[in-house]
Amino acid sequence: MTRTAQETFWSDQALAQARDVAADGRTIAIVNDFPNGEQCSWCDCTLDNFRDHRCGGCPKPAGSVLRVHDGSPVRRDIPVCEGHRDEAIVFAYRALGGRR
């Protein structure tokens, strides 16, 4: 699945805005971006201990890619299917918000 020119334009605009908003290091910005053929990366494994756990992720195609900006120089991209999107957003906010 390839993005359209219009999707690329919208994505570029949203990513630039998120990067600018999160530049202060106090704000977390997550862009629910268009996928480009990725597989969902969310781990649904139910383990008591995730130490040394390696998961291939959910086998479904990604319905979106969460692009996480937190003021650091590294953007985190999380491809997720529609069934895992909301859970991934909550996880990202909790994980990044807890360290501020």
Protein backbone atom coordinates (compact mmCIF):
# COMPACT_ATOMS: atom_id res chain seq x y z
CA MET A 1 0.00 0.00 0.00
CA THR A 2 1.51 3.30 -1.07
CA ARG A 3 0.57 6.72 0.24
CA THR A 4 -1.10 9.22 -2.00
CA ALA A 5 0.45 12.62 -2.58
CA GLN A 6 -2.27 14.19 -0.45
CA GLU A 7 -1.60 11.77 2.45
CA THR A 8 2.11 12.61 2.27
CA PHE A 9 1.32 16.33 2.39
CA TRP A 10 -0.99 15.94 5.40
CA SER A 11 1.57 13.72 7.13
CA ASP A 12 4.40 16.21 6.59
CA GLN A 13 2.27 19.04 7.99
CA ALA A 14 1.21 17.07 11.07
CA LEU A 15 4.75 15.83 11.77
CA ALA A 16 6.20 19.33 11.53
CA GLN A 17 3.55 20.66 13.92
CA ALA A 18 4.12 17.81 16.40
CA ARG A 19 7.89 18.29 16.31
CA ASP A 20 7.49 22.02 17.00
CA VAL A 21 4.97 21.51 19.81
CA ALA A 22 7.15 18.89 21.54
CA ALA A 23 10.39 20.86 21.15
CA ASP A 24 10.13 22.27 24.68
CA GLY A 25 10.68 18.78 26.13
CA ARG A 26 7.61 19.06 28.35
CA THR A 27 5.00 18.12 25.75
CA ILE A 28 4.39 14.74 24.16
CA ALA A 29 2.85 14.85 20.68
CA ILE A 30 1.58 11.72 18.94
CA VAL A 31 0.63 11.84 15.28
CA ASN A 32 -1.77 9.14 14.09
CA ASP A 33 -0.13 8.87 10.66
CA PHE A 34 -1.00 6.97 7.49
CA PRO A 35 0.60 3.51 7.19
CA ASN A 36 2.91 2.61 4.33
CA GLY A 37 2.65 -1.18 4.31
CA GLU A 38 3.94 -1.83 7.85
CA GLN A 39 2.84 -4.72 10.10
CA CYS A 40 1.40 -4.08 13.55
CA SER A 41 4.25 -4.12 16.07
CA TRP A 42 2.16 -4.40 19.23
CA CYS A 43 3.00 -7.35 21.53
CA ASP A 44 -0.11 -8.99 22.97
CA CYS A 45 1.80 -11.72 24.77
CA THR A 46 0.65 -12.39 28.32
CA LEU A 47 3.79 -13.18 30.29
CA ASP A 48 4.67 -12.73 33.92
CA ASN A 49 8.20 -11.68 32.97
CA PHE A 50 9.10 -9.92 29.71
CA ARG A 51 12.85 -10.18 30.36
CA ASP A 52 14.57 -11.41 27.18
CA HIS A 53 11.17 -11.75 25.48
CA ARG A 54 11.20 -11.27 21.69
CA CYS A 55 7.87 -10.94 19.94
CA GLY A 56 7.19 -10.57 16.23
CA GLY A 57 4.20 -8.39 17.01
CA CYS A 58 0.61 -8.73 15.97
CA PRO A 59 0.33 -10.35 12.50
CA LYS A 60 -2.25 -7.84 11.25
CA PRO A 61 -1.32 -5.02 8.86
CA ALA A 62 -0.87 -1.63 10.48
CA GLY A 63 -3.87 0.66 10.12
CA SER A 64 -1.78 3.61 11.27
CA VAL A 65 1.68 4.52 12.46
CA LEU A 66 1.91 6.43 15.72
CA ARG A 67 4.76 8.90 15.40
CA VAL A 68 5.78 9.98 18.90
CA HIS A 69 7.62 13.25 19.51
CA ASP A 70 8.82 14.10 23.02
CA GLY A 71 11.44 16.79 22.46
CA SER A 72 14.30 14.32 22.09
CA PRO A 73 16.15 14.13 18.77
CA VAL A 74 14.66 10.66 18.13
CA ARG A 75 11.12 10.19 16.83
CA ARG A 76 9.54 6.89 17.85
CA ASP A 77 7.39 5.19 15.22
CA ILE A 78 4.92 2.54 16.37
CA PRO A 79 3.02 0.76 13.58
CA VAL A 80 -0.27 -0.56 14.97
CA CYS A 81 -3.44 -2.18 13.69
CA GLU A 82 -6.76 -0.52 14.43
CA GLY A 83 -7.37 -2.95 17.31
CA HIS A 84 -4.18 -1.92 19.16
CA ARG A 85 -4.05 1.81 18.33
CA ASP A 86 -5.79 3.15 21.44
CA GLU A 87 -3.86 0.87 23.79
CA ALA A 88 -0.57 1.97 22.19
CA ILE A 89 -1.45 5.66 22.58
CA VAL A 90 -2.22 5.21 26.27
CA PHE A 91 0.99 3.21 26.75
CA ALA A 92 3.14 5.86 25.02
CA TYR A 93 1.70 8.68 27.13
CA ARG A 94 2.13 6.71 30.35
CA ALA A 95 5.66 5.56 29.50
CA LEU A 96 6.91 8.97 28.40
CA GLY A 97 4.85 11.05 30.80
CA GLY A 98 6.07 9.06 33.79
CA ARG A 99 9.68 10.06 33.23
CA ARG A 100 9.08 13.82 33.14
